[in-house]
Protein backbone atom coordinates (compact mmCIF):
# COMPACT_ATOMS: atom_id res chain seq x y z
CA MET A 1 -0.02 0.07 -0.03
CA LYS A 2 0.91 3.68 -0.58
CA HIS A 3 1.58 6.04 2.40
CA PHE A 4 -0.13 9.74 2.91
CA ARG A 5 1.56 12.66 1.08
CA SER A 6 1.16 15.56 2.75
CA GLY A 7 0.08 18.98 0.69
CA ALA A 8 0.24 19.19 -2.90
CA VAL A 9 1.98 15.98 -3.23
CA PHE A 10 -0.45 14.15 -1.90
CA ALA A 11 -3.51 16.31 -3.35
CA ALA A 12 -1.96 15.47 -7.07
CA ALA A 13 -1.33 11.83 -6.51
CA ALA A 14 -5.09 11.59 -5.41
CA THR A 15 -6.36 13.40 -8.23
CA LEU A 16 -4.34 11.62 -10.62
CA LEU A 17 -5.99 8.35 -9.24
CA SER A 18 -9.59 9.58 -9.10
CA ALA A 19 -8.83 10.01 -12.97
CA ASN A 20 -7.92 6.49 -13.41
CA SER A 21 -9.44 3.41 -12.83
CA THR A 22 -6.00 1.29 -13.12
CA VAL A 23 -4.07 0.30 -9.89
CA LEU A 24 -1.44 3.18 -9.59
CA ALA A 25 -0.84 3.22 -6.06
CA HIS A 26 -1.95 0.09 -3.69
CA GLY A 27 -3.98 1.22 -1.07
CA PHE A 28 -5.83 4.21 -2.83
CA ALA A 29 -9.31 4.51 -4.04
CA GLY A 30 -9.83 7.84 -5.61
CA GLN A 31 -8.63 9.97 -2.97
CA ARG A 32 -9.27 7.75 0.09
CA PHE A 33 -6.04 5.99 1.16
CA PHE A 34 -6.60 2.73 3.53
CA PRO A 35 -3.70 1.76 5.56
CA ALA A 36 -2.49 -1.93 6.60
CA THR A 37 -4.63 -2.68 9.40
CA ILE A 38 -3.37 -5.13 12.03
CA LEU A 39 -5.92 -7.33 13.25
CA THR A 40 -8.08 -7.63 9.87
CA ASP A 41 -6.96 -8.54 6.21
CA ASP A 42 -6.57 -5.58 3.72
CA PRO A 43 -8.77 -5.22 0.75
CA PHE A 44 -5.86 -4.23 -1.78
CA VAL A 45 -2.88 -6.10 -3.25
CA ALA A 46 0.41 -4.94 -1.93
CA ASP A 47 4.43 -5.06 -1.88
CA GLU A 48 4.87 -4.60 1.85
CA ILE A 49 6.51 -6.28 5.08
CA SER A 50 5.43 -6.33 8.44
CA LEU A 51 8.49 -6.52 10.45
CA PRO A 52 7.75 -7.22 13.35
CA THR A 53 4.26 -7.48 14.72
CA ILE A 54 4.41 -7.89 18.27
CA THR A 55 1.36 -9.41 20.43
CA VAL A 56 1.00 -9.98 24.30
CA ASN A 57 -2.51 -11.57 24.13
CA PRO A 58 -4.93 -11.49 26.91
CA PRO A 59 -4.95 -14.95 29.44
CA GLY A 60 -6.69 -17.22 28.10
CA PRO A 61 -10.18 -19.08 29.85
CA ASP A 62 -7.15 -21.42 31.62
CA GLY A 63 -4.93 -18.53 32.69
CA SER A 64 -2.17 -18.87 30.09
CA ARG A 65 -0.54 -16.16 28.20
CA GLU A 66 0.92 -16.22 24.95
CA THR A 67 3.29 -13.55 23.45
CA ASP A 68 3.88 -13.54 19.40
CA TYR A 69 6.58 -12.48 17.01
CA ARG A 70 5.37 -12.31 13.80
CA ILE A 71 6.69 -11.34 10.18
CA ASP A 72 4.26 -11.29 7.03
CA LEU A 73 5.56 -10.38 3.73
CA SER A 74 2.92 -9.68 0.60
CA LYS A 75 3.95 -9.12 -2.83
CA ARG A 76 2.24 -8.55 -6.15
CA ILE A 77 2.54 -11.05 -8.94
CA THR A 78 0.91 -8.46 -11.43
CA PRO A 79 -0.85 -5.01 -10.78
CA ASN A 80 -3.66 -7.34 -9.59
CA PHE A 81 -2.63 -10.28 -8.25
CA GLY A 82 -0.52 -10.87 -5.05
CA ILE A 83 0.61 -13.57 -2.30
CA THR A 84 1.52 -13.18 0.96
CA ILE A 85 3.57 -15.69 3.54
CA GLY A 86 3.48 -15.50 7.07
CA ASP A 87 4.94 -17.01 10.40
CA GLN A 88 5.28 -16.28 13.71
CA TRP A 89 7.69 -17.22 17.06
CA GLN A 90 5.32 -18.02 20.22
CA HIS A 91 6.04 -17.95 23.63
CA LEU A 92 3.53 -19.49 25.83
CA GLN A 93 3.14 -19.26 29.65
CA PRO A 94 0.81 -21.52 31.44
CA GLN A 95 -0.30 -20.82 34.42
CA GLY A 96 1.83 -22.56 37.35
CA MET A 97 3.81 -24.32 34.58
CA PRO A 98 6.93 -23.93 32.73
CA SER A 99 6.82 -21.59 29.90
CA VAL A 100 7.23 -23.54 25.88
CA ALA A 101 8.32 -21.18 22.79
CA GLY A 102 8.40 -22.27 19.06
CA LEU A 103 7.13 -21.60 15.32
CA GLY A 104 3.73 -21.36 14.76
CA PRO A 105 1.95 -22.73 11.72
CA LEU A 106 2.75 -21.33 8.49
CA SER A 107 0.45 -19.13 6.77
CA THR A 108 -0.03 -18.16 2.95
CA GLY A 109 -2.50 -16.63 0.55
CA ALA A 110 -3.37 -15.59 -2.69
CA GLN A 111 -5.38 -12.51 -3.70
CA TYR A 112 -6.94 -10.85 -6.90
CA GLN A 113 -7.96 -7.19 -6.87
CA LEU A 114 -11.59 -7.16 -8.13
CA PHE A 115 -12.48 -3.47 -8.35
CA ILE A 116 -11.15 -0.11 -7.15
CA ASP A 117 -13.74 2.51 -7.77
CA GLY A 118 -12.30 5.88 -7.11
CA PRO A 119 -15.23 7.95 -7.06
CA HIS A 120 -17.11 6.06 -4.46
CA GLU A 121 -13.80 5.26 -2.50
CA ALA A 122 -14.57 1.59 -2.48
CA LEU A 123 -12.18 -1.58 -3.49
CA GLY A 124 -13.17 -5.67 -3.08
CA LEU A 125 -10.54 -8.31 -3.10
CA VAL A 126 -10.97 -12.16 -3.23
CA GLY A 127 -8.48 -14.58 -1.69
CA LEU A 128 -7.53 -17.69 -0.37
CA ASN A 129 -5.40 -18.17 2.70
CA VAL A 130 -3.98 -21.53 3.61
CA THR A 131 -2.66 -22.70 7.15
CA TRP A 132 -0.49 -25.60 6.53
CA ALA A 133 -0.25 -28.69 8.51
CA HIS A 134 2.87 -29.78 10.41
CA THR A 135 4.48 -26.84 10.28
CA GLY A 136 4.62 -25.69 13.80
CA ARG A 137 5.37 -27.06 16.94
CA VAL A 138 2.45 -29.33 17.68
CA GLN A 139 2.46 -30.77 21.00
CA ALA A 140 3.86 -28.01 22.77
CA LEU A 141 1.68 -25.29 21.46
CA GLY A 142 -1.32 -26.40 19.82
CA ALA A 143 0.17 -26.20 15.99
CA PRO A 144 -2.63 -28.11 13.97
CA ASP A 145 -1.92 -31.60 12.28
CA PHE A 146 -4.32 -30.74 9.61
CA THR A 147 -4.21 -27.91 6.75
CA THR A 148 -6.96 -25.31 6.84
CA LEU A 149 -8.31 -23.55 3.72
CA SER A 150 -9.87 -20.28 3.93
CA PRO A 151 -11.56 -18.34 1.18
CA THR A 152 -12.21 -14.66 1.81
CA PHE A 153 -13.73 -11.47 0.70
CA ASN A 154 -12.03 -8.31 1.82
CA PHE A 155 -13.80 -4.87 1.08
CA GLY A 156 -13.15 -1.11 1.91
CA LYS A 157 -15.05 1.85 1.49
CA GLY A 158 -14.56 5.40 2.49
CA PHE A 159 -17.27 7.97 2.88
CA GLY A 160 -15.90 11.11 1.27
CA ASP A 161 -18.88 11.03 -1.11
CA LEU A 162 -20.89 11.87 1.40
CA PRO A 163 -22.82 15.36 1.08
CA PRO A 164 -20.78 18.38 1.72
CA SER A 165 -23.27 19.14 4.41
CA LEU A 166 -21.47 16.32 6.87
CA PRO A 167 -17.87 17.21 6.12
CA TYR A 168 -16.66 15.69 9.64
CA LEU A 169 -18.54 12.44 8.36
CA ARG A 170 -16.48 12.40 5.19
CA PRO A 171 -13.10 11.44 6.91
CA PHE A 172 -14.79 7.77 8.42
CA ALA A 173 -13.73 4.63 6.39
CA ILE A 174 -14.58 1.07 7.03
CA THR A 175 -12.89 -2.34 5.85
CA GLY A 176 -13.96 -5.54 6.43
CA ASN A 177 -13.22 -9.75 5.81
CA LEU A 178 -15.86 -12.37 5.43
CA GLY A 179 -14.70 -16.13 5.03
CA PHE A 180 -14.79 -19.59 6.06
CA ASP A 181 -12.56 -22.24 7.41
CA PHE A 182 -12.31 -25.41 6.00
CA PRO A 183 -9.95 -27.63 7.87
CA THR A 184 -8.84 -30.83 5.89
CA LYS A 185 -9.72 -33.09 8.93
CA THR A 186 -12.69 -33.47 10.77
CA GLU A 187 -11.00 -34.83 13.93
CA SER A 188 -7.55 -34.51 15.41
CA ALA A 189 -6.76 -36.32 18.89
CA GLY A 190 -10.46 -36.51 19.54
CA VAL A 191 -11.35 -33.04 19.00
CA LEU A 192 -13.95 -31.93 16.59
CA ASN A 193 -12.13 -29.11 13.78
CA PRO A 194 -15.54 -27.41 12.90
CA ASN A 195 -15.83 -25.28 9.92
CA ASN A 196 -15.80 -21.60 10.88
CA PHE A 197 -17.46 -18.37 9.39
CA THR A 198 -14.74 -15.85 10.00
CA TYR A 199 -15.62 -11.79 9.95
CA GLY A 200 -13.98 -8.59 11.18
CA PHE A 201 -14.33 -4.73 10.55
CA ALA A 202 -11.97 -1.70 10.85
CA PHE A 203 -13.84 1.43 11.50
CA GLU A 204 -11.56 4.17 10.60
CA TYR A 205 -11.11 7.95 10.82
CA SER A 206 -8.51 9.66 8.43
CA LEU A 207 -7.07 12.67 9.80
CA PRO A 208 -5.11 13.03 6.96
CA TYR A 209 -8.04 12.79 4.65
CA LEU A 210 -9.66 15.12 6.87
CA GLN A 211 -6.47 17.87 6.35
CA CYS A 212 -6.29 17.51 2.67
CA CYS A 213 -9.91 16.79 1.43
CA VAL A 214 -12.18 18.12 3.91
CA LYS A 215 -10.98 21.07 5.61
CA ASP A 216 -7.49 22.08 7.06
CA VAL A 217 -8.18 22.33 10.75
CA GLY A 218 -4.30 23.17 11.67
CA LEU A 219 -3.17 20.10 12.36
CA ARG A 220 0.82 19.50 12.21
CA ALA A 221 3.00 16.41 12.65
CA PRO A 222 2.84 13.90 13.71
CA PHE A 223 -1.10 14.32 14.23
CA ASN A 224 -1.60 15.36 10.56
CA GLN A 225 -0.52 11.50 9.55
CA LEU A 226 -2.62 9.61 12.42
CA ILE A 227 -5.57 7.25 11.61
CA PRO A 228 -7.45 6.64 15.11
CA LEU A 229 -9.15 3.21 14.42
CA VAL A 230 -11.25 0.35 15.84
CA GLU A 231 -11.04 -3.53 14.82
CA VAL A 232 -12.91 -6.11 15.84
CA ALA A 233 -12.37 -10.07 14.60
CA PHE A 234 -14.75 -12.93 15.10
CA THR A 235 -14.69 -16.60 14.75
CA THR A 236 -18.22 -18.41 14.84
CA PRO A 237 -18.29 -22.61 14.55
CA VAL A 238 -21.00 -23.78 12.12
CA ASN A 239 -20.82 -27.16 12.57
CA ARG A 240 -19.34 -30.14 14.30
CA ILE A 241 -18.97 -27.95 17.50
CA THR A 242 -17.75 -29.42 20.62
CA PRO A 243 -19.84 -28.72 23.73
CA GLY A 244 -19.18 -25.19 25.20
CA VAL A 245 -17.19 -24.23 22.06
CA THR A 246 -18.94 -20.63 20.88
CA THR A 247 -17.91 -17.54 18.81
CA THR A 248 -14.32 -16.20 19.94
CA GLY A 249 -13.47 -12.25 19.04
CA THR A 250 -11.33 -9.33 20.01
CA ILE A 251 -11.89 -5.67 20.06
CA GLN A 252 -8.94 -3.48 19.38
CA PRO A 253 -8.97 0.09 19.64
CA GLY A 254 -5.76 1.79 18.15
CA VAL A 255 -3.99 4.16 15.87
CA ILE A 256 -1.65 4.02 13.12
CA TRP A 257 1.02 6.78 11.85
CA SER A 258 1.74 6.65 8.60
CA GLY A 259 5.02 8.02 6.78
CA GLN A 260 6.37 8.29 3.47
CA TYR A 261 8.30 4.91 3.63
CA PHE A 262 6.74 2.94 6.61
CA GLN A 263 3.72 2.81 9.08
CA ILE A 264 3.71 2.26 12.78
CA GLY A 265 0.32 1.24 14.45
CA ALA A 266 -0.66 0.26 18.25
CA GLU A 267 -3.75 -1.43 19.44
CA ALA A 268 -5.22 -2.64 22.56
CA ILE A 269 -6.53 -6.09 22.77
CA LEU A 270 -9.80 -6.65 24.61
CA PRO A 271 -11.60 -10.37 24.80
CA ALA A 272 -15.26 -9.59 23.17
CA ASN A 273 -16.45 -12.36 25.77
CA ARG A 274 -15.48 -14.88 28.53
CA ALA A 275 -14.94 -17.84 25.91
CA THR A 276 -12.12 -15.58 24.35
CA GLY A 277 -10.31 -14.86 27.64
CA HIS A 278 -10.20 -12.09 30.42
CA GLY A 279 -8.03 -9.24 31.22
CA TYR A 280 -6.29 -7.76 28.32
CA GLY A 281 -3.34 -7.55 25.88
CA GLY A 282 -1.59 -5.20 23.14
CA VAL A 283 -0.13 -5.39 19.79
CA VAL A 284 2.33 -3.09 18.17
CA GLN A 285 3.48 -3.42 14.47
CA LEU A 286 6.35 -1.59 12.19
CA HIS A 287 4.96 -2.15 8.57
CA PHE A 288 7.35 -1.02 5.60
CA TYR A 289 6.31 -0.21 2.15
CA LEU A 290 8.39 -2.21 -0.16
CA ASP A 291 6.85 -0.33 -3.31
CA ASP A 292 8.02 3.16 -2.00
CA LEU A 293 11.05 2.00 -0.61
CA PHE A 294 12.41 0.02 -3.95
CA PRO A 295 10.43 1.24 -6.65
CA ARG A 296 12.56 0.19 -9.33
CA SER A 297 13.24 -3.37 -8.20
CA ILE A 298 11.46 -5.60 -5.49
CA GLY A 299 9.13 -3.21 -5.00
CA LYS A 300 7.48 -3.71 -8.61
CA PRO A 301 5.18 -6.28 -9.53
CA VAL A 302 7.14 -9.40 -10.53
CA SER A 303 5.43 -9.11 -13.97
CA GLU A 304 7.10 -5.84 -14.43
CA TRP A 305 10.67 -7.36 -13.62
CA TRP A 306 11.57 -7.67 -17.24
């Protein structure tokens, strides 16, 4: 995804994107820039890397505490098709027991950009995510012994097309994910593996959009590059449900600062119900824009390397 550019440079880029329906800069739809969110998937193909994402999860229902150190890479193969790959180092501290650590399961994905509608600040993407069996430390950390296929639809919508009589609502935007999980095994070690419905949303208020495209209210750095947001994500089993297993999810309020070559995000993690956990956690992420850092080499789609 692209970053926010300030002043005339950003305005010129946004105008150019509005006039052209092709993908000139990922993360843009018309004048709207959608940052890379932490909890939910982005609705655009990208050349980016999260290095790292550090998550201190809320205590689980059994009192255990897990800290994750994750790396994710997104790479465009063509302007509209991209792949993702990610993994994490997990450190689990069970209550009253020695801690254990190791790699989590490897995850990969394929994504296709369905559309970008500049005038309506809307975009959509379909994808297939795969969590691979036997790629993590199974016994100690609960990494799966089965592969899970997860088709998904991701979308984004900015409210910049609201009437001028509602100026301070126009910086709002929403992105979301809708998907299903299909495990390749129905049961592991006597435990049922359900199909899950997964859904998540990010509600954003873009101060850069307020400054550039609604009204200059006099914000200066670093506040003029902040995007406050709240993310929510839930998983609901739809079949093969073990008694006592129910919907789990988190609510994550936070903020993203987007610069020229990278962005920094931080969110609190609040369990949505007792089945998810109790207490609270937090996550921070350092995220680099490869297409801005290396525009003539690895930041370009692979199809444009020759």
